[in-house]
Structures are given as structure tokens and as C-alpha cells.
């Protein structure tokens, strides 16, 4: 490890006329500082090792099924992508760096003034969402590890491979935009955030998809819906607290996630058509495992329960909740018309009964958990992302 040269965002700040910030110590010029190298023992508190997972569970004949669907994927899935020339880019929403210096600084001052009205717990959730987006290399690796749809060469003309590369390219803008906005706000400790991103990409994720595209596309259908909901709620909160630009940013990202959700759910819909029992078993299999959030192994080098604490703040702010989890399940059951699905074997019918009766059970468990939480004293946790300020869970 080596010492890190970083730009101190607390020092990169200035006052606008007549404004006194409660969050920043403003200085006229940026300050470069060297952060000392941490002791070697800091590495010893990494997350627990991953459990052993089943791999390559897709039978060979099902691999051929996905090859036979390539024409369908070209006609049905690839149109969900937008041409690059029609896409927004992160700079669309950020202060224009080509402006004269004072005008550019005025734009950044205005950004900071807007974010002054956002509470610390909001930044915990926004940072957690951004870190989740920034771990995109892990998600591309997961999808590209699915048998029958992987990119065999790195530039394959297969529609499955073209989808994965272009989906990744569209998603890549999300973390870039949120990270830059957060940096300019001065409200967060970018060094600690960057460490968290590096830890997360390094440790990977455990979605339980077994290199199996049936399981993988069920997972991505659920996850894209979850991120659509989460970004939509951060947009709503930003608007309510007086930052319409951040609201537009989060809303635009949510719109992308929804479009991607449509594509992935279309794939599952097609699998239910051509292989109803196989697809139904995959849906039941993922729901039995529970859909793990993609950043569930996040770690900042300090808090071994970081994801649990982040998720608790998101639950309290109603950004993403157990109620949303049940809502997503019910939504997908309706979209895929699972209750009316026919042509199932006995095993498939049992899987159908399990999935279609699951949401009410989840809601009952949620009600019990909420009741227990109401009886407990509020707990405060410090987050390194916001300079170790304490936030209630």
C-alpha cells in the first residue's frame, strides 16, 4: 500500500454572498494533503469469507435453448438499449467546466447551497446507492459468467453479449454522475467512500445464481426493479428538501433502471413461455434463497456491519424497505402472470404455489419486525462516509 494524494473536499469550498453553511468550513482555494499510510493491522478486519456456492447448474440442453433464442433477443431485447448519441451523460447535469472560472464557481456554490438542506442520513443512503452503482464491474462479471449467454470473446456479436456490454455502458454513467455530484457537495468523505468501493469490487458478490441464466435473469429482473424504486425515492426526498437538480439526477437514473428492468423481465417472460416448469423452478429457487442486494458485502475498513446499517437507514427513510421487497415480488407475479401459468409438472406446480403465496408471508414477518423495532431504543451509528457523524438507525 502507498500513501494517497487526495483533494480535500472540505477545503474545496467557498461562501456565496449572504450564505452561512452549517456543514462546510469554507476556504478560498483547494488544499492538497497526503493521507498517511494505515497500519498493516487495518487489513485484518475484512468481511467474513464467502460461503461455498453451487456453480454451472444449467443442463447442456438448456444452453442450446439460449442459442436458439438469439434471434428473439435481437428483435425484442436489444431495442431496450438507447443509441449512445441519444443518451444523457454525467456532464449534462453537472456545472459546466468550460465556463469562465467565476461562473463555474458560482455554479458549484449553488450546488452546495442546495445540498445544505439535505440531512446527513440522506447522504448515507445516497452514498450507499452510489457505491452500489460503482461496483458495476462485479455485476458485468456475474452476468458474463452465465452459461449460454456469456461474451465468449470480449467483443462477441451474440445479442446476449451485445446486450451485456451496452447495458454495462449505460449503467456506468450512474455511479460516475452521483460520485461527482457528491464530491462537489463537500458533504461526504470521498476517501472513505473510495475505499468502500475498492473493498466492494474486490470482495465481489454472492447472488446465488449458479452461472445459470434462468436464475441470473430472475435476479436481475428483481434487482433492477429494486434500484428503480430506491433511486425514485431518493429523487422524491431531494425534491422535498429543495434540490431539484439532484431530484432530476436520481429520477433520470431511476428511469434507466426501469427500462432495464423491462428488458430482463421480458427474458424471464420468454423462458416461462418456452420452458414453464424450468422458469418457474428458477423463480422459486431464487425466492427461497432470498434476493440478496448486490452490495451486501460492502465494507469501509471500519464497520463490519456497514451494509446492515446502511440498509437500516434506507428502511427508516422509506427509500427501500421490506415492504418494497414484497411489492416487487407481487408486481413480478402479476407481470409474469404466474398465478395463471399452465403446462407445469407437479414440481412446477409446487414451485408456483410457493411463489404465489410468499408475499403475504413476507408482509406478516415485516409487521412482526416493525413491532419489535418500535419497542427498541433508537440506536445511533457513526458512518465514515459522512466524517463519522452519527445517524439514527
Protein backbone atom coordinates (compact mmCIF):
# COMPACT_ATOMS: atom_id res chain seq x y z
CA UNK A 1 0.00 0.00 0.00
CA UNK A 2 1.17 3.54 -0.63
CA UNK A 3 0.31 6.99 0.62
CA UNK A 4 -2.64 8.52 -1.22
CA UNK A 5 -2.66 12.03 -2.66
CA UNK A 6 -6.21 13.33 -2.43
CA UNK A 7 -8.14 16.57 -2.82
CA UNK A 8 -9.76 17.50 0.49
CA UNK A 9 -13.38 18.31 -0.39
CA UNK A 10 -13.89 20.04 2.94
CA UNK A 11 -11.22 22.54 1.95
CA UNK A 12 -12.52 22.97 -1.61
CA UNK A 13 -15.32 25.30 -0.59
CA UNK A 14 -16.35 28.93 -0.61
CA UNK A 15 -19.13 31.16 0.65
CA UNK A 16 -21.82 32.52 -1.60
CA UNK A 17 -22.96 36.04 -0.80
CA UNK A 18 -25.02 36.17 2.38
CA UNK A 19 -24.89 32.40 2.95
CA UNK A 20 -23.53 30.73 6.04
CA UNK A 21 -23.20 26.98 5.76
CA UNK A 22 -23.67 24.72 8.72
CA UNK A 23 -21.81 21.88 7.01
CA UNK A 24 -18.59 23.24 5.50
CA UNK A 25 -15.52 25.13 6.64
CA UNK A 26 -15.06 27.27 3.54
CA UNK A 27 -11.62 28.17 2.19
CA UNK A 28 -10.81 30.23 -0.88
CA UNK A 29 -8.55 27.64 -2.50
CA UNK A 30 -8.25 23.84 -2.56
CA UNK A 31 -5.71 22.17 -0.31
CA UNK A 32 -3.68 19.12 -1.24
CA UNK A 33 -2.87 16.78 1.62
CA UNK A 34 -1.16 13.45 1.99
CA UNK A 35 -3.10 10.85 3.93
CA UNK A 36 -0.69 8.72 5.95
CA UNK A 37 -0.39 5.03 5.18
CA UNK A 38 -2.60 2.99 7.56
CA UNK A 39 -1.05 0.32 9.77
CA UNK A 40 -0.91 -3.18 8.33
CA UNK A 41 -3.30 -4.43 11.02
CA UNK A 42 -6.11 -2.41 9.39
CA UNK A 43 -6.38 -5.14 6.76
CA UNK A 44 -7.17 -7.79 9.36
CA UNK A 45 -10.78 -6.70 9.87
CA UNK A 46 -12.10 -7.55 6.42
CA UNK A 47 -15.55 -9.13 5.88
CA UNK A 48 -16.01 -12.84 6.58
CA UNK A 49 -15.09 -15.29 3.79
CA UNK A 50 -17.74 -16.18 1.24
CA UNK A 51 -19.68 -19.41 1.57
CA UNK A 52 -19.28 -22.18 -0.98
CA UNK A 53 -21.76 -21.80 -3.82
CA UNK A 54 -23.11 -24.24 -6.39
CA UNK A 55 -21.88 -23.46 -9.91
CA UNK A 56 -22.83 -24.28 -13.53
CA UNK A 57 -26.22 -25.81 -12.71
CA UNK A 58 -27.64 -25.28 -16.22
CA UNK A 59 -28.00 -28.59 -18.14
CA UNK A 60 -26.31 -28.66 -21.60
CA UNK A 61 -29.62 -28.84 -23.46
CA UNK A 62 -30.70 -25.57 -21.81
CA UNK A 63 -27.54 -23.90 -23.12
CA UNK A 64 -28.78 -24.71 -26.59
CA UNK A 65 -32.14 -23.15 -25.72
CA UNK A 66 -30.47 -19.78 -25.22
CA UNK A 67 -28.64 -20.10 -28.53
CA UNK A 68 -31.98 -20.77 -30.22
CA UNK A 69 -33.36 -17.54 -28.68
CA UNK A 70 -30.68 -15.27 -30.16
CA UNK A 71 -32.93 -14.10 -32.99
CA UNK A 72 -35.70 -13.29 -30.50
CA UNK A 73 -33.22 -11.43 -28.27
CA UNK A 74 -32.03 -9.30 -31.22
CA UNK A 75 -35.58 -8.28 -32.05
CA UNK A 76 -37.01 -7.95 -28.53
CA UNK A 77 -34.22 -7.17 -26.02
CA UNK A 78 -31.68 -5.05 -27.91
CA UNK A 79 -34.28 -2.34 -28.73
CA UNK A 80 -34.45 -1.56 -24.99
CA UNK A 81 -30.98 -0.02 -25.37
CA UNK A 82 -30.62 3.62 -26.38
CA UNK A 83 -28.15 4.74 -29.08
CA UNK A 84 -25.17 6.45 -27.47
CA UNK A 85 -25.87 9.67 -29.39
CA UNK A 86 -29.31 9.85 -27.76
CA UNK A 87 -28.09 9.18 -24.19
CA UNK A 88 -27.54 11.70 -21.43
CA UNK A 89 -24.04 11.89 -19.99
CA UNK A 90 -22.96 12.81 -16.44
CA UNK A 91 -21.75 16.24 -17.58
CA UNK A 92 -25.32 17.00 -18.68
CA UNK A 93 -26.26 17.53 -15.01
CA UNK A 94 -23.03 18.99 -13.61
CA UNK A 95 -21.55 22.50 -13.55
CA UNK A 96 -20.08 23.20 -16.99
CA UNK A 97 -16.30 23.20 -16.62
CA UNK A 98 -15.92 25.16 -19.88
CA UNK A 99 -17.48 28.25 -18.30
CA UNK A 100 -15.27 31.13 -17.15
CA UNK A 101 -13.78 30.38 -13.72
CA UNK A 102 -16.00 32.66 -11.67
CA UNK A 103 -19.16 31.50 -13.40
CA UNK A 104 -18.16 27.87 -12.89
CA UNK A 105 -17.50 28.57 -9.20
CA UNK A 106 -20.91 30.23 -8.93
CA UNK A 107 -22.49 27.02 -10.26
CA UNK A 108 -20.66 24.93 -7.68
CA UNK A 109 -21.64 27.36 -4.92
CA UNK A 110 -25.26 26.97 -6.00
CA UNK A 111 -24.91 23.17 -5.88
CA UNK A 112 -23.52 23.37 -2.35
CA UNK A 113 -26.25 25.75 -1.27
CA UNK A 114 -28.88 23.29 -2.50
CA UNK A 115 -27.32 20.33 -0.69
CA UNK A 116 -27.16 22.27 2.60
CA UNK A 117 -30.84 21.44 3.10
CA UNK A 118 -30.30 17.68 2.89
CA UNK A 119 -29.85 15.82 6.20
CA UNK A 120 -26.88 13.57 6.95
CA UNK A 121 -29.00 10.41 6.82
CA UNK A 122 -30.00 11.26 3.25
CA UNK A 123 -26.33 11.31 2.29
CA UNK A 124 -25.82 7.90 3.91
CA UNK A 125 -28.48 6.46 1.61
CA UNK A 126 -27.32 8.35 -1.48
CA UNK A 127 -23.72 7.27 -0.91
CA UNK A 128 -24.81 3.66 -0.41
CA UNK A 129 -26.76 3.79 -3.67
CA UNK A 130 -23.79 5.34 -5.47
CA UNK A 131 -21.37 2.72 -4.13
CA UNK A 132 -23.76 0.02 -5.31
CA UNK A 133 -23.69 1.57 -8.79
CA UNK A 134 -19.90 1.90 -8.75
CA UNK A 135 -19.44 -1.85 -8.22
CA UNK A 136 -20.58 -2.35 -11.83
CA UNK A 137 -17.52 -4.47 -12.81
CA UNK A 138 -18.80 -7.14 -10.42
CA UNK A 139 -22.26 -7.18 -11.97
CA UNK A 140 -20.93 -7.39 -15.52
CA UNK A 141 -18.70 -10.28 -14.42
CA UNK A 142 -21.70 -12.04 -12.87
CA UNK A 143 -23.85 -11.72 -16.00
CA UNK A 144 -20.94 -12.61 -18.25
CA UNK A 145 -20.45 -15.77 -16.20
CA UNK A 146 -23.91 -17.09 -17.05
CA UNK A 147 -23.71 -20.20 -19.22
CA UNK A 148 -25.28 -19.86 -22.67
CA UNK A 149 -25.25 -16.05 -22.76
CA UNK A 150 -21.66 -15.07 -21.91
CA UNK A 151 -19.45 -12.98 -24.14
CA UNK A 152 -17.04 -15.64 -25.37
CA UNK A 153 -14.50 -13.29 -26.97
CA UNK A 154 -14.93 -9.94 -25.22
CA UNK A 155 -16.43 -8.45 -28.38
CA UNK A 156 -18.85 -11.18 -29.47
CA UNK A 157 -21.61 -10.30 -31.92
CA UNK A 158 -24.06 -12.52 -30.00
CA UNK A 159 -27.12 -10.46 -28.97
CA UNK A 160 -26.70 -11.67 -25.39
CA UNK A 161 -23.12 -10.37 -25.32
CA UNK A 162 -24.07 -7.13 -27.06
CA UNK A 163 -26.82 -6.55 -24.50
CA UNK A 164 -24.48 -7.12 -21.54
CA UNK A 165 -21.81 -4.75 -22.86
CA UNK A 166 -24.25 -1.99 -23.79
CA UNK A 167 -26.24 -2.41 -20.55
CA UNK A 168 -22.97 -2.02 -18.65
CA UNK A 169 -22.11 1.10 -20.66
CA UNK A 170 -25.48 2.68 -19.85
CA UNK A 171 -25.26 1.76 -16.16
CA UNK A 172 -21.69 3.08 -15.91
CA UNK A 173 -22.99 6.65 -16.14
CA UNK A 174 -25.00 6.30 -12.93
CA UNK A 175 -22.13 5.92 -10.48
CA UNK A 176 -19.99 8.46 -12.37
CA UNK A 177 -22.70 11.12 -12.06
CA UNK A 178 -23.63 10.50 -8.43
CA UNK A 179 -19.99 10.29 -7.35
CA UNK A 180 -19.09 13.62 -8.97
CA UNK A 181 -22.16 15.35 -7.52
CA UNK A 182 -21.34 14.04 -4.07
CA UNK A 183 -17.73 15.18 -4.43
CA UNK A 184 -18.78 18.70 -5.39
CA UNK A 185 -21.26 18.86 -2.48
CA UNK A 186 -18.47 18.70 0.10
CA UNK A 187 -20.80 16.81 2.43
CA UNK A 188 -19.07 13.43 2.27
CA UNK A 189 -15.63 11.93 2.89
CA UNK A 190 -14.60 10.83 -0.60
CA UNK A 191 -11.51 8.96 0.60
CA UNK A 192 -13.62 6.68 2.84
CA UNK A 193 -16.17 6.24 0.05
CA UNK A 194 -13.48 5.33 -2.46
CA UNK A 195 -12.08 2.78 -0.02
CA UNK A 196 -15.54 1.25 0.31
CA UNK A 197 -15.86 0.97 -3.47
CA UNK A 198 -12.46 -0.71 -3.76
CA UNK A 199 -13.29 -3.15 -0.96
CA UNK A 200 -16.65 -3.97 -2.55
CA UNK A 201 -15.33 -4.61 -6.05
CA UNK A 202 -12.51 -6.67 -4.56
CA UNK A 203 -14.76 -8.91 -2.48
CA UNK A 204 -17.43 -9.41 -5.18
CA UNK A 205 -20.97 -10.58 -4.51
CA UNK A 206 -22.90 -13.77 -3.77
CA UNK A 207 -26.21 -13.66 -5.66
CA UNK A 208 -26.63 -17.45 -5.70
CA UNK A 209 -27.20 -17.56 -9.46
CA UNK A 210 -25.00 -20.65 -10.08
CA UNK A 211 -23.81 -19.45 -13.54
CA UNK A 212 -27.39 -20.24 -14.56
CA UNK A 213 -29.13 -17.65 -16.79
CA UNK A 214 -32.58 -18.77 -15.57
CA UNK A 215 -31.56 -17.76 -12.05
CA UNK A 216 -29.48 -14.82 -13.25
CA UNK A 217 -32.29 -13.17 -15.19
CA UNK A 218 -34.75 -13.66 -12.33
CA UNK A 219 -32.21 -11.94 -10.08
CA UNK A 220 -31.63 -9.01 -12.45
CA UNK A 221 -35.39 -8.54 -13.01
CA UNK A 222 -35.87 -8.18 -9.26
CA UNK A 223 -32.76 -6.04 -8.72
CA UNK A 224 -33.46 -3.55 -11.49
CA UNK A 225 -36.95 -3.04 -10.05
CA UNK A 226 -35.41 -2.50 -6.60
CA UNK A 227 -32.94 0.11 -7.87
CA UNK A 228 -35.74 1.84 -9.80
CA UNK A 229 -37.68 2.17 -6.52
CA UNK A 230 -34.65 3.27 -4.49
CA UNK A 231 -33.50 5.97 -6.92
CA UNK A 232 -37.08 7.13 -7.35
CA UNK A 233 -37.39 7.63 -3.60
CA UNK A 234 -34.06 9.50 -3.31
CA UNK A 235 -35.38 11.75 -6.10
CA UNK A 236 -38.56 12.43 -4.13
CA UNK A 237 -36.63 13.26 -0.95
CA UNK A 238 -34.22 15.57 -2.79
CA UNK A 239 -37.13 17.46 -4.31
CA UNK A 240 -38.87 17.76 -0.93
CA UNK A 241 -35.66 19.13 0.63
CA UNK A 242 -35.04 21.75 -2.04
CA UNK A 243 -32.55 20.24 -4.51
CA UNK A 244 -34.41 19.93 -7.83
CA UNK A 245 -31.21 19.17 -9.75
CA UNK A 246 -30.38 16.17 -7.57
CA UNK A 247 -34.03 15.12 -7.81
CA UNK A 248 -33.74 15.18 -11.60
CA UNK A 249 -30.49 13.20 -11.46
CA UNK A 250 -31.96 10.45 -9.28
CA UNK A 251 -35.17 10.40 -11.31
CA UNK A 252 -33.25 10.05 -14.58
CA UNK A 253 -31.23 7.14 -13.17
CA UNK A 254 -34.48 5.55 -11.96
CA UNK A 255 -35.86 5.82 -15.49
CA UNK A 256 -32.85 3.93 -16.85
CA UNK A 257 -33.28 1.22 -14.23
CA UNK A 258 -36.93 0.81 -15.15
CA UNK A 259 -36.12 0.40 -18.83
CA UNK A 260 -33.51 -2.23 -17.97
CA UNK A 261 -36.00 -3.96 -15.68
CA UNK A 262 -38.42 -4.26 -18.60
CA UNK A 263 -35.74 -5.98 -20.67
CA UNK A 264 -34.74 -8.51 -18.02
CA UNK A 265 -38.33 -9.30 -17.11
CA UNK A 266 -39.07 -9.84 -20.81
CA UNK A 267 -36.38 -12.53 -20.88
CA UNK A 268 -37.98 -14.33 -17.92
CA UNK A 269 -41.38 -13.96 -19.57
CA UNK A 270 -39.98 -15.68 -22.68
CA UNK A 271 -38.48 -18.50 -20.58
CA UNK A 272 -41.87 -19.05 -18.95
CA UNK A 273 -43.33 -19.40 -22.44
CA UNK A 274 -40.79 -21.89 -23.84
CA UNK A 275 -39.94 -23.76 -20.61
CA UNK A 276 -42.63 -23.03 -17.99
CA UNK A 277 -41.51 -25.58 -15.42
CA UNK A 278 -37.81 -24.70 -15.72
CA UNK A 279 -38.51 -20.99 -15.38
CA UNK A 280 -40.97 -21.48 -12.51
CA UNK A 281 -38.43 -23.58 -10.61
CA UNK A 282 -35.83 -20.85 -11.15
CA UNK A 283 -38.13 -18.16 -9.74
CA UNK A 284 -38.94 -20.31 -6.72
CA UNK A 285 -35.26 -21.16 -6.27
CA UNK A 286 -34.21 -17.52 -6.15
CA UNK A 287 -37.04 -16.61 -3.78
CA UNK A 288 -36.12 -19.46 -1.44
CA UNK A 289 -32.57 -18.16 -1.32
CA UNK A 290 -33.89 -14.60 -0.95
CA UNK A 291 -32.74 -11.89 -3.33
CA UNK A 292 -29.56 -10.50 -1.84
CA UNK A 293 -28.76 -6.89 -2.56
CA UNK A 294 -25.72 -6.58 -4.86
CA UNK A 295 -23.72 -4.52 -2.34
CA UNK A 296 -24.39 -6.82 0.62
CA UNK A 297 -20.63 -7.33 1.17
CA UNK A 298 -19.80 -3.60 1.35
CA UNK A 299 -17.14 -2.64 3.86
CA UNK A 300 -15.24 0.58 4.59
CA UNK A 301 -12.36 -0.92 6.56
CA UNK A 302 -14.05 0.04 9.84
CA UNK A 303 -17.63 -1.17 10.17
CA UNK A 304 -18.13 -4.93 9.60
CA UNK A 305 -21.91 -4.37 9.61
CA UNK A 306 -21.83 -1.47 7.16
CA UNK A 307 -24.43 -2.85 4.75
CA UNK A 308 -26.78 -3.75 7.59
CA UNK A 309 -26.50 -0.21 8.97
CA UNK A 310 -26.91 1.42 5.54
CA UNK A 311 -29.99 -0.74 4.87
CA UNK A 312 -31.47 0.24 8.25
CA UNK A 313 -31.16 3.95 7.38
CA UNK A 314 -32.72 3.30 3.94
CA UNK A 315 -35.59 1.48 5.69
CA UNK A 316 -36.14 4.35 8.14
CA UNK A 317 -36.18 6.96 5.36
CA UNK A 318 -38.52 4.71 3.32
CA UNK A 319 -36.06 4.66 0.42
CA UNK A 320 -36.04 0.87 0.22
CA UNK A 321 -37.92 -1.30 2.69
CA UNK A 322 -39.07 -4.84 3.38
CA UNK A 323 -42.47 -3.65 2.17
CA UNK A 324 -40.88 -2.79 -1.19
CA UNK A 325 -39.40 -6.30 -1.37
CA UNK A 326 -42.88 -7.81 -1.06
CA UNK A 327 -44.28 -5.25 -3.52
CA UNK A 328 -41.67 -6.21 -6.12
CA UNK A 329 -42.50 -9.89 -5.72
CA UNK A 330 -46.21 -9.20 -6.17
CA UNK A 331 -45.50 -6.95 -9.15
CA UNK A 332 -43.44 -9.64 -10.90
CA UNK A 333 -46.01 -12.34 -10.12
CA UNK A 334 -48.55 -10.16 -11.89
CA UNK A 335 -46.30 -9.19 -14.79
CA UNK A 336 -45.35 -12.81 -15.45
CA UNK A 337 -48.95 -13.99 -14.79
CA UNK A 338 -47.59 -16.73 -12.55
CA UNK A 339 -50.90 -17.50 -10.88
CA UNK A 340 -52.39 -18.44 -14.26
CA UNK A 341 -49.33 -20.25 -15.62
CA UNK A 342 -50.21 -23.62 -17.17
CA UNK A 343 -48.30 -26.61 -18.53
CA UNK A 344 -46.38 -27.22 -15.31
CA UNK A 345 -45.20 -30.53 -13.94
CA UNK A 346 -46.06 -31.49 -10.37
CA UNK A 347 -42.78 -29.98 -9.19
CA UNK A 348 -43.51 -26.84 -11.17
CA UNK A 349 -46.96 -26.50 -9.60
CA UNK A 350 -45.47 -26.78 -6.12
CA UNK A 351 -43.00 -24.04 -7.02
CA UNK A 352 -45.89 -21.94 -8.35
CA UNK A 353 -47.86 -22.36 -5.11
CA UNK A 354 -44.78 -21.40 -3.05
CA UNK A 355 -44.03 -18.22 -5.01
CA UNK A 356 -47.63 -17.05 -5.29
CA UNK A 357 -48.22 -17.39 -1.54
CA UNK A 358 -44.92 -15.84 -0.47
CA UNK A 359 -45.67 -12.10 -0.46
CA UNK A 360 -48.31 -12.25 2.33
CA UNK A 361 -45.89 -14.28 4.46
CA UNK A 362 -43.17 -11.68 3.91
CA UNK A 363 -45.58 -8.93 4.95
CA UNK A 364 -46.51 -10.76 8.15
CA UNK A 365 -42.82 -11.14 9.02
CA UNK A 366 -42.30 -7.46 8.28
CA UNK A 367 -45.13 -6.47 10.61
CA UNK A 368 -43.61 -8.52 13.42
CA UNK A 369 -40.18 -6.99 12.80
CA UNK A 370 -41.67 -3.48 12.79
CA UNK A 371 -43.44 -4.20 16.08
CA UNK A 372 -40.18 -5.37 17.67
CA UNK A 373 -38.34 -2.32 16.31
CA UNK A 374 -40.89 0.06 17.84
CA UNK A 375 -40.21 -1.41 21.26
CA UNK A 376 -36.45 -0.92 20.99
CA UNK A 377 -34.50 2.19 21.90
CA UNK A 378 -33.23 4.09 18.81
CA UNK A 379 -29.63 3.20 18.03
CA UNK A 380 -27.10 5.65 16.63
CA UNK A 381 -24.27 4.55 14.34
CA UNK A 382 -21.36 6.58 13.02
CA UNK A 383 -20.71 6.44 9.27
CA UNK A 384 -17.22 7.07 7.95
CA UNK A 385 -18.78 8.32 4.69
CA UNK A 386 -20.07 11.47 6.44
CA UNK A 387 -16.98 12.18 8.57
CA UNK A 388 -18.05 9.80 11.36
CA UNK A 389 -21.22 11.69 12.15
CA UNK A 390 -23.83 9.66 13.99
CA UNK A 391 -27.11 8.74 12.35
CA UNK A 392 -30.10 7.01 13.92
CA UNK A 393 -30.99 3.59 12.56
